[in-house]
Amino acid sequence: MKSKNELKVSNLSLTAVRRDGDWEGWIKFYLRGVYEISKQATIAAKLIMDLQASHRVLVGNLGKASNTAMRLLDMLYQKPLVSVSTVAEKLLLLHEKQSQI
Protein backbone atom coordinates (compact mmCIF):
# COMPACT_ATOMS: atom_id res chain seq x y z
CA MET A 1 0.00 0.00 0.00
CA LYS A 2 1.33 3.41 -0.94
CA SER A 3 1.87 6.13 1.65
CA LYS A 4 0.23 9.54 1.24
CA ASN A 5 3.57 10.99 0.16
CA GLU A 6 4.06 8.27 -2.48
CA LEU A 7 0.54 8.88 -3.81
CA LYS A 8 1.21 12.62 -3.96
CA VAL A 9 4.46 12.07 -5.91
CA SER A 10 2.68 9.61 -8.21
CA ASN A 11 -0.12 12.09 -8.89
CA LEU A 12 2.38 14.89 -9.51
CA SER A 13 4.27 12.68 -11.95
CA LEU A 14 1.07 11.83 -13.83
CA THR A 15 0.04 15.48 -13.86
CA ALA A 16 3.42 16.39 -15.35
CA VAL A 17 2.84 13.82 -18.10
CA ARG A 18 -0.63 15.21 -18.87
CA ARG A 19 0.31 18.86 -18.60
CA ASP A 20 3.88 18.91 -19.93
CA GLY A 21 4.33 15.59 -21.70
CA ASP A 22 7.01 14.64 -19.16
CA TRP A 23 7.14 10.96 -20.05
CA GLU A 24 10.80 10.72 -19.09
CA GLY A 25 10.01 11.87 -15.54
CA TRP A 26 7.16 9.38 -15.28
CA ILE A 27 9.31 6.51 -16.55
CA LYS A 28 12.07 7.41 -14.06
CA PHE A 29 9.49 7.51 -11.24
CA TYR A 30 8.03 4.17 -12.33
CA LEU A 31 11.44 2.48 -12.64
CA ARG A 32 12.46 3.74 -9.18
CA GLY A 33 9.35 2.00 -7.85
CA VAL A 34 10.17 -1.22 -9.70
CA TYR A 35 13.72 -1.07 -8.32
CA GLU A 36 12.55 -0.57 -4.71
CA ILE A 37 9.97 -3.36 -4.89
CA SER A 38 12.57 -5.66 -6.47
CA LYS A 39 14.98 -5.00 -3.60
CA GLN A 40 12.23 -5.77 -1.07
CA ALA A 41 11.23 -8.95 -2.90
CA THR A 42 14.86 -10.12 -3.03
CA ILE A 43 15.25 -9.60 0.72
CA ALA A 44 11.97 -11.42 1.42
CA ALA A 45 12.98 -14.34 -0.81
CA LYS A 46 16.35 -14.65 0.94
CA LEU A 47 14.68 -14.62 4.37
CA ILE A 48 12.28 -17.36 3.25
CA MET A 49 15.14 -19.46 1.87
CA ASP A 50 17.09 -19.03 5.13
CA LEU A 51 14.02 -20.03 7.13
CA GLN A 52 13.53 -23.10 4.96
CA ALA A 53 17.17 -24.10 5.43
CA SER A 54 16.90 -23.81 9.22
CA HIS A 55 13.67 -25.82 9.18
CA ARG A 56 15.35 -28.53 7.11
CA VAL A 57 18.09 -28.80 9.76
CA LEU A 58 15.49 -29.11 12.54
CA VAL A 59 13.46 -31.68 10.62
CA GLY A 60 16.60 -33.60 9.70
CA ASN A 61 17.20 -34.18 13.40
CA LEU A 62 13.84 -35.91 13.96
CA GLY A 63 15.30 -39.36 13.51
CA LYS A 64 12.93 -42.03 12.21
CA ALA A 65 10.21 -39.55 11.23
CA SER A 66 12.56 -37.18 9.41
CA ASN A 67 11.99 -38.63 5.90
CA THR A 68 8.22 -38.09 5.96
CA ALA A 69 8.60 -34.81 7.84
CA MET A 70 11.09 -33.53 5.24
CA ARG A 71 8.67 -34.37 2.44
CA LEU A 72 5.92 -32.55 4.34
CA LEU A 73 8.16 -29.53 4.90
CA ASP A 74 9.03 -29.35 1.20
CA MET A 75 5.35 -29.65 0.31
CA LEU A 76 4.41 -26.84 2.70
CA TYR A 77 7.01 -24.53 1.18
CA GLN A 78 5.50 -25.22 -2.25
CA LYS A 79 1.90 -24.87 -1.07
CA PRO A 80 1.50 -23.46 2.46
CA LEU A 81 -2.25 -24.10 2.78
CA VAL A 82 -3.20 -27.77 2.62
CA SER A 83 -5.75 -30.11 4.15
CA VAL A 84 -4.95 -33.22 6.17
CA SER A 85 -6.35 -35.38 3.38
CA THR A 86 -4.10 -33.67 0.81
CA VAL A 87 -1.06 -34.22 3.02
CA ALA A 88 -2.00 -37.88 3.50
CA GLU A 89 -2.55 -38.35 -0.23
CA LYS A 90 0.70 -36.66 -1.27
CA LEU A 91 2.76 -38.44 1.37
CA LEU A 92 0.92 -41.75 0.90
CA LEU A 93 0.16 -42.04 4.60
CA LEU A 94 -2.01 -44.80 5.97
CA HIS A 95 -5.36 -43.80 7.45
CA GLU A 96 -4.30 -44.37 11.06
CA LYS A 97 -1.30 -42.05 10.66
CA GLN A 98 -3.47 -39.21 9.28
CA SER A 99 -4.81 -38.44 12.73
CA GLN A 100 -1.26 -37.88 14.00
CA ILE A 101 -0.64 -34.98 11.60
C-alpha atoms as a PDB file:
ATOM      1  CA  MET A   1       0.000   0.000   0.000  1.00  0.00           C
ATOM      2  CA  LYS A   2       1.332   3.410  -0.940  1.00  0.00           C
ATOM      3  CA  SER A   3       1.867   6.131   1.653  1.00  0.00           C
ATOM      4  CA  LYS A   4       0.230   9.541   1.242  1.00  0.00           C
ATOM      5  CA  ASN A   5       3.574  10.987   0.162  1.00  0.00           C
ATOM      6  CA  GLU A   6       4.058   8.270  -2.475  1.00  0.00           C
ATOM      7  CA  LEU A   7       0.538   8.878  -3.812  1.00  0.00           C
ATOM      8  CA  LYS A   8       1.212  12.619  -3.962  1.00  0.00           C
ATOM      9  CA  VAL A   9       4.458  12.073  -5.911  1.00  0.00           C
ATOM     10  CA  SER A  10       2.679   9.611  -8.213  1.00  0.00           C
ATOM     11  CA  ASN A  11      -0.122  12.087  -8.889  1.00  0.00           C
ATOM     12  CA  LEU A  12       2.376  14.893  -9.510  1.00  0.00           C
ATOM     13  CA  SER A  13       4.271  12.678 -11.950  1.00  0.00           C
ATOM     14  CA  LEU A  14       1.073  11.825 -13.826  1.00  0.00           C
ATOM     15  CA  THR A  15       0.035  15.475 -13.858  1.00  0.00           C
ATOM     16  CA  ALA A  16       3.424  16.388 -15.348  1.00  0.00           C
ATOM     17  CA  VAL A  17       2.837  13.821 -18.105  1.00  0.00           C
ATOM     18  CA  ARG A  18      -0.631  15.207 -18.868  1.00  0.00           C
ATOM     19  CA  ARG A  19       0.306  18.856 -18.604  1.00  0.00           C
ATOM     20  CA  ASP A  20       3.880  18.911 -19.928  1.00  0.00           C
ATOM     21  CA  GLY A  21       4.326  15.589 -21.704  1.00  0.00           C
ATOM     22  CA  ASP A  22       7.014  14.637 -19.165  1.00  0.00           C
ATOM     23  CA  TRP A  23       7.141  10.960 -20.048  1.00  0.00           C
ATOM     24  CA  GLU A  24      10.800  10.719 -19.088  1.00  0.00           C
ATOM     25  CA  GLY A  25      10.012  11.874 -15.539  1.00  0.00           C
ATOM     26  CA  TRP A  26       7.159   9.375 -15.285  1.00  0.00           C
ATOM     27  CA  ILE A  27       9.310   6.511 -16.553  1.00  0.00           C
ATOM     28  CA  LYS A  28      12.067   7.407 -14.063  1.00  0.00           C
ATOM     29  CA  PHE A  29       9.493   7.508 -11.243  1.00  0.00           C
ATOM     30  CA  TYR A  30       8.032   4.168 -12.332  1.00  0.00           C
ATOM     31  CA  LEU A  31      11.439   2.481 -12.644  1.00  0.00           C
ATOM     32  CA  ARG A  32      12.457   3.736  -9.182  1.00  0.00           C
ATOM     33  CA  GLY A  33       9.347   2.005  -7.854  1.00  0.00           C
ATOM     34  CA  VAL A  34      10.173  -1.223  -9.698  1.00  0.00           C
ATOM     35  CA  TYR A  35      13.723  -1.074  -8.320  1.00  0.00           C
ATOM     36  CA  GLU A  36      12.554  -0.568  -4.714  1.00  0.00           C
ATOM     37  CA  ILE A  37       9.970  -3.360  -4.893  1.00  0.00           C
ATOM     38  CA  SER A  38      12.568  -5.663  -6.474  1.00  0.00           C
ATOM     39  CA  LYS A  39      14.980  -4.999  -3.598  1.00  0.00           C
ATOM     40  CA  GLN A  40      12.231  -5.767  -1.066  1.00  0.00           C
ATOM     41  CA  ALA A  41      11.231  -8.955  -2.901  1.00  0.00           C
ATOM     42  CA  THR A  42      14.856 -10.118  -3.025  1.00  0.00           C
ATOM     43  CA  ILE A  43      15.247  -9.596   0.722  1.00  0.00           C
ATOM     44  CA  ALA A  44      11.973 -11.422   1.423  1.00  0.00           C
ATOM     45  CA  ALA A  45      12.984 -14.344  -0.809  1.00  0.00           C
ATOM     46  CA  LYS A  46      16.352 -14.652   0.945  1.00  0.00           C
ATOM     47  CA  LEU A  47      14.675 -14.624   4.366  1.00  0.00           C
ATOM     48  CA  ILE A  48      12.279 -17.364   3.250  1.00  0.00           C
ATOM     49  CA  MET A  49      15.140 -19.455   1.870  1.00  0.00           C
ATOM     50  CA  ASP A  50      17.089 -19.027   5.127  1.00  0.00           C
ATOM     51  CA  LEU A  51      14.021 -20.029   7.129  1.00  0.00           C
ATOM     52  CA  GLN A  52      13.532 -23.101   4.959  1.00  0.00           C
ATOM     53  CA  ALA A  53      17.172 -24.104   5.431  1.00  0.00           C
ATOM     54  CA  SER A  54      16.904 -23.808   9.222  1.00  0.00           C
ATOM     55  CA  HIS A  55      13.667 -25.819   9.182  1.00  0.00           C
ATOM     56  CA  ARG A  56      15.355 -28.526   7.108  1.00  0.00           C
ATOM     57  CA  VAL A  57      18.087 -28.800   9.764  1.00  0.00           C
ATOM     58  CA  LEU A  58      15.489 -29.105  12.535  1.00  0.00           C
ATOM     59  CA  VAL A  59      13.459 -31.679  10.619  1.00  0.00           C
ATOM     60  CA  GLY A  60      16.599 -33.597   9.695  1.00  0.00           C
ATOM     61  CA  ASN A  61      17.198 -34.185  13.401  1.00  0.00           C
ATOM     62  CA  LEU A  62      13.844 -35.910  13.961  1.00  0.00           C
ATOM     63  CA  GLY A  63      15.300 -39.365  13.514  1.00  0.00           C
ATOM     64  CA  LYS A  64      12.929 -42.027  12.212  1.00  0.00           C
ATOM     65  CA  ALA A  65      10.212 -39.545  11.233  1.00  0.00           C
ATOM     66  CA  SER A  66      12.557 -37.182   9.405  1.00  0.00           C
ATOM     67  CA  ASN A  67      11.994 -38.629   5.905  1.00  0.00           C
ATOM     68  CA  THR A  68       8.222 -38.087   5.961  1.00  0.00           C
ATOM     69  CA  ALA A  69       8.604 -34.806   7.843  1.00  0.00           C
ATOM     70  CA  MET A  70      11.085 -33.533   5.244  1.00  0.00           C
ATOM     71  CA  ARG A  71       8.667 -34.373   2.437  1.00  0.00           C
ATOM     72  CA  LEU A  72       5.918 -32.552   4.344  1.00  0.00           C
ATOM     73  CA  LEU A  73       8.160 -29.530   4.899  1.00  0.00           C
ATOM     74  CA  ASP A  74       9.030 -29.351   1.199  1.00  0.00           C
ATOM     75  CA  MET A  75       5.355 -29.654   0.308  1.00  0.00           C
ATOM     76  CA  LEU A  76       4.410 -26.836   2.698  1.00  0.00           C
ATOM     77  CA  TYR A  77       7.013 -24.528   1.175  1.00  0.00           C
ATOM     78  CA  GLN A  78       5.504 -25.221  -2.248  1.00  0.00           C
ATOM     79  CA  LYS A  79       1.896 -24.873  -1.069  1.00  0.00           C
ATOM     80  CA  PRO A  80       1.499 -23.457   2.459  1.00  0.00           C
ATOM     81  CA  LEU A  81      -2.253 -24.103   2.783  1.00  0.00           C
ATOM     82  CA  VAL A  82      -3.199 -27.771   2.623  1.00  0.00           C
ATOM     83  CA  SER A  83      -5.751 -30.113   4.154  1.00  0.00           C
ATOM     84  CA  VAL A  84      -4.945 -33.218   6.168  1.00  0.00           C
ATOM     85  CA  SER A  85      -6.347 -35.377   3.381  1.00  0.00           C
ATOM     86  CA  THR A  86      -4.099 -33.673   0.810  1.00  0.00           C
ATOM     87  CA  VAL A  87      -1.061 -34.225   3.019  1.00  0.00           C
ATOM     88  CA  ALA A  88      -1.999 -37.878   3.501  1.00  0.00           C
ATOM     89  CA  GLU A  89      -2.547 -38.347  -0.227  1.00  0.00           C
ATOM     90  CA  LYS A  90       0.701 -36.663  -1.272  1.00  0.00           C
ATOM     91  CA  LEU A  91       2.759 -38.442   1.368  1.00  0.00           C
ATOM     92  CA  LEU A  92       0.922 -41.753   0.903  1.00  0.00           C
ATOM     93  CA  LEU A  93       0.163 -42.043   4.603  1.00  0.00           C
ATOM     94  CA  LEU A  94      -2.006 -44.804   5.967  1.00  0.00           C
ATOM     95  CA  HIS A  95      -5.365 -43.796   7.446  1.00  0.00           C
ATOM     96  CA  GLU A  96      -4.295 -44.371  11.064  1.00  0.00           C
ATOM     97  CA  LYS A  97      -1.300 -42.051  10.655  1.00  0.00           C
ATOM     98  CA  GLN A  98      -3.470 -39.214   9.283  1.00  0.00           C
ATOM     99  CA  SER A  99      -4.812 -38.442  12.735  1.00  0.00           C
ATOM    100  CA  GLN A 100      -1.259 -37.882  13.997  1.00  0.00           C
ATOM    101  CA  ILE A 101      -0.643 -34.979  11.597  1.00  0.00           C
END
